[in-house]
Amino acid sequence: MLTPKTIHADLHEHHTQVVQLFSKHPWLIPATTLLHIIPVVVGINGFWKSRALSKQLKIEREKTKQLALQQVDKVQSAVTSHHCQHPSLRQLFKQIRSHH
């Protein structure tokens, strides 16, 4: 089982090796930094694209709702204007009674 002292010693040895490697090959510093930055940039870019597409989807849904409401209004107005202009039987009987 690893003790904290052993872990600390292993980490210290690893850091020493990394520092020596970077001292011998300083060009590894920007390359290593770039390799660590790429996933972060890809993640941030994906987050912003997802957010923009989500916003666009909400806008399109609202447009669809508005179009559906306009269609309902058109259908209702067409139905009310489509009713016959002739009086109903009840209205005819009222007219006949009122004339007699």
Protein backbone atom coordinates (compact mmCIF):
# COMPACT_ATOMS: atom_id res chain seq x y z
CA MET A 1 0.00 0.00 0.00
CA LEU A 2 1.26 3.45 -0.86
CA THR A 3 1.88 5.76 2.02
CA PRO A 4 1.70 9.52 1.71
CA LYS A 5 5.47 9.68 2.10
CA THR A 6 5.98 7.28 -0.82
CA ILE A 7 3.49 9.16 -2.98
CA HIS A 8 5.21 12.46 -2.18
CA ALA A 9 8.63 11.00 -3.02
CA ASP A 10 7.36 9.56 -6.33
CA LEU A 11 5.76 12.86 -7.30
CA HIS A 12 8.92 14.75 -6.40
CA GLU A 13 10.98 12.38 -8.56
CA HIS A 14 8.52 12.78 -11.47
CA HIS A 15 8.62 16.59 -11.24
CA THR A 16 12.40 16.53 -11.17
CA GLN A 17 12.47 14.41 -14.35
CA VAL A 18 10.00 16.75 -16.09
CA VAL A 19 12.04 19.82 -15.15
CA GLN A 20 15.23 18.15 -16.46
CA LEU A 21 13.47 17.17 -19.68
CA PHE A 22 12.22 20.73 -20.23
CA SER A 23 15.67 22.10 -19.41
CA LYS A 24 17.24 19.89 -22.11
CA HIS A 25 14.43 20.47 -24.66
CA PRO A 26 12.79 23.89 -24.12
CA TRP A 27 10.74 23.53 -27.35
CA LEU A 28 8.61 20.95 -25.51
CA ILE A 29 7.07 23.69 -23.33
CA PRO A 30 4.96 25.36 -26.07
CA ALA A 31 4.15 21.99 -27.66
CA THR A 32 2.94 20.57 -24.33
CA THR A 33 0.99 23.74 -23.58
CA LEU A 34 -0.67 23.57 -27.00
CA LEU A 35 -1.63 19.94 -26.46
CA HIS A 36 -3.32 20.92 -23.19
CA ILE A 37 -5.08 23.97 -24.67
CA ILE A 38 -6.63 22.22 -27.70
CA PRO A 39 -9.24 20.18 -25.76
CA VAL A 40 -10.18 23.25 -23.72
CA VAL A 41 -10.71 25.34 -26.86
CA VAL A 42 -12.74 22.58 -28.50
CA GLY A 43 -14.92 22.29 -25.40
CA ILE A 44 -15.53 26.04 -25.18
CA ASN A 45 -16.31 26.23 -28.88
CA GLY A 46 -18.78 23.34 -28.60
CA PHE A 47 -20.46 24.97 -25.61
CA TRP A 48 -21.02 28.26 -27.45
CA LYS A 49 -22.25 26.54 -30.61
CA SER A 50 -24.65 24.44 -28.57
CA ARG A 51 -25.93 27.54 -26.82
CA ALA A 52 -26.44 29.40 -30.12
CA LEU A 53 -28.24 26.43 -31.68
CA SER A 54 -30.45 26.08 -28.62
CA LYS A 55 -31.41 29.74 -28.92
CA GLN A 56 -32.12 29.32 -32.64
CA LEU A 57 -34.29 26.27 -31.89
CA LYS A 58 -36.35 28.30 -29.40
CA ILE A 59 -36.83 31.03 -32.01
CA GLU A 60 -37.96 28.51 -34.63
CA ARG A 61 -40.38 26.88 -32.18
CA GLU A 62 -41.89 30.28 -31.41
CA LYS A 63 -42.25 31.01 -35.13
CA THR A 64 -43.99 27.66 -35.59
CA LYS A 65 -46.37 28.43 -32.72
CA GLN A 66 -47.20 31.82 -34.20
CA LEU A 67 -47.88 30.29 -37.62
CA ALA A 68 -50.11 27.65 -36.03
CA LEU A 69 -52.07 30.34 -34.17
CA GLN A 70 -52.51 32.30 -37.40
CA GLN A 71 -53.82 29.18 -39.13
CA VAL A 72 -56.31 28.60 -36.29
CA ASP A 73 -57.52 32.20 -36.57
CA LYS A 74 -57.95 31.82 -40.35
CA VAL A 75 -59.90 28.58 -39.93
CA GLN A 76 -62.16 30.09 -37.26
CA SER A 77 -62.87 33.19 -39.34
CA ALA A 78 -63.54 31.04 -42.41
CA VAL A 79 -65.98 28.87 -40.46
CA THR A 80 -67.89 31.84 -39.05
CA SER A 81 -68.10 33.57 -42.42
CA HIS A 82 -69.11 30.33 -44.13
CA HIS A 83 -72.42 30.01 -42.26
CA CYS A 84 -75.41 30.41 -44.48
CA GLN A 85 -76.88 33.84 -44.70
CA HIS A 86 -80.39 32.36 -44.77
CA PRO A 87 -82.34 32.63 -41.55
CA SER A 88 -82.82 29.54 -39.43
CA LEU A 89 -86.21 27.90 -38.96
CA ARG A 90 -86.56 29.50 -35.55
CA GLN A 91 -85.98 32.94 -37.03
CA LEU A 92 -88.50 32.22 -39.80
CA PHE A 93 -91.17 31.21 -37.28
CA LYS A 94 -90.50 34.37 -35.28
CA GLN A 95 -90.91 36.48 -38.40
CA ILE A 96 -94.13 34.68 -39.33
CA ARG A 97 -95.57 35.14 -35.81
CA SER A 98 -94.61 38.75 -35.70
CA HIS A 99 -96.37 39.45 -39.03
CA HIS A 100 -99.65 37.83 -37.90
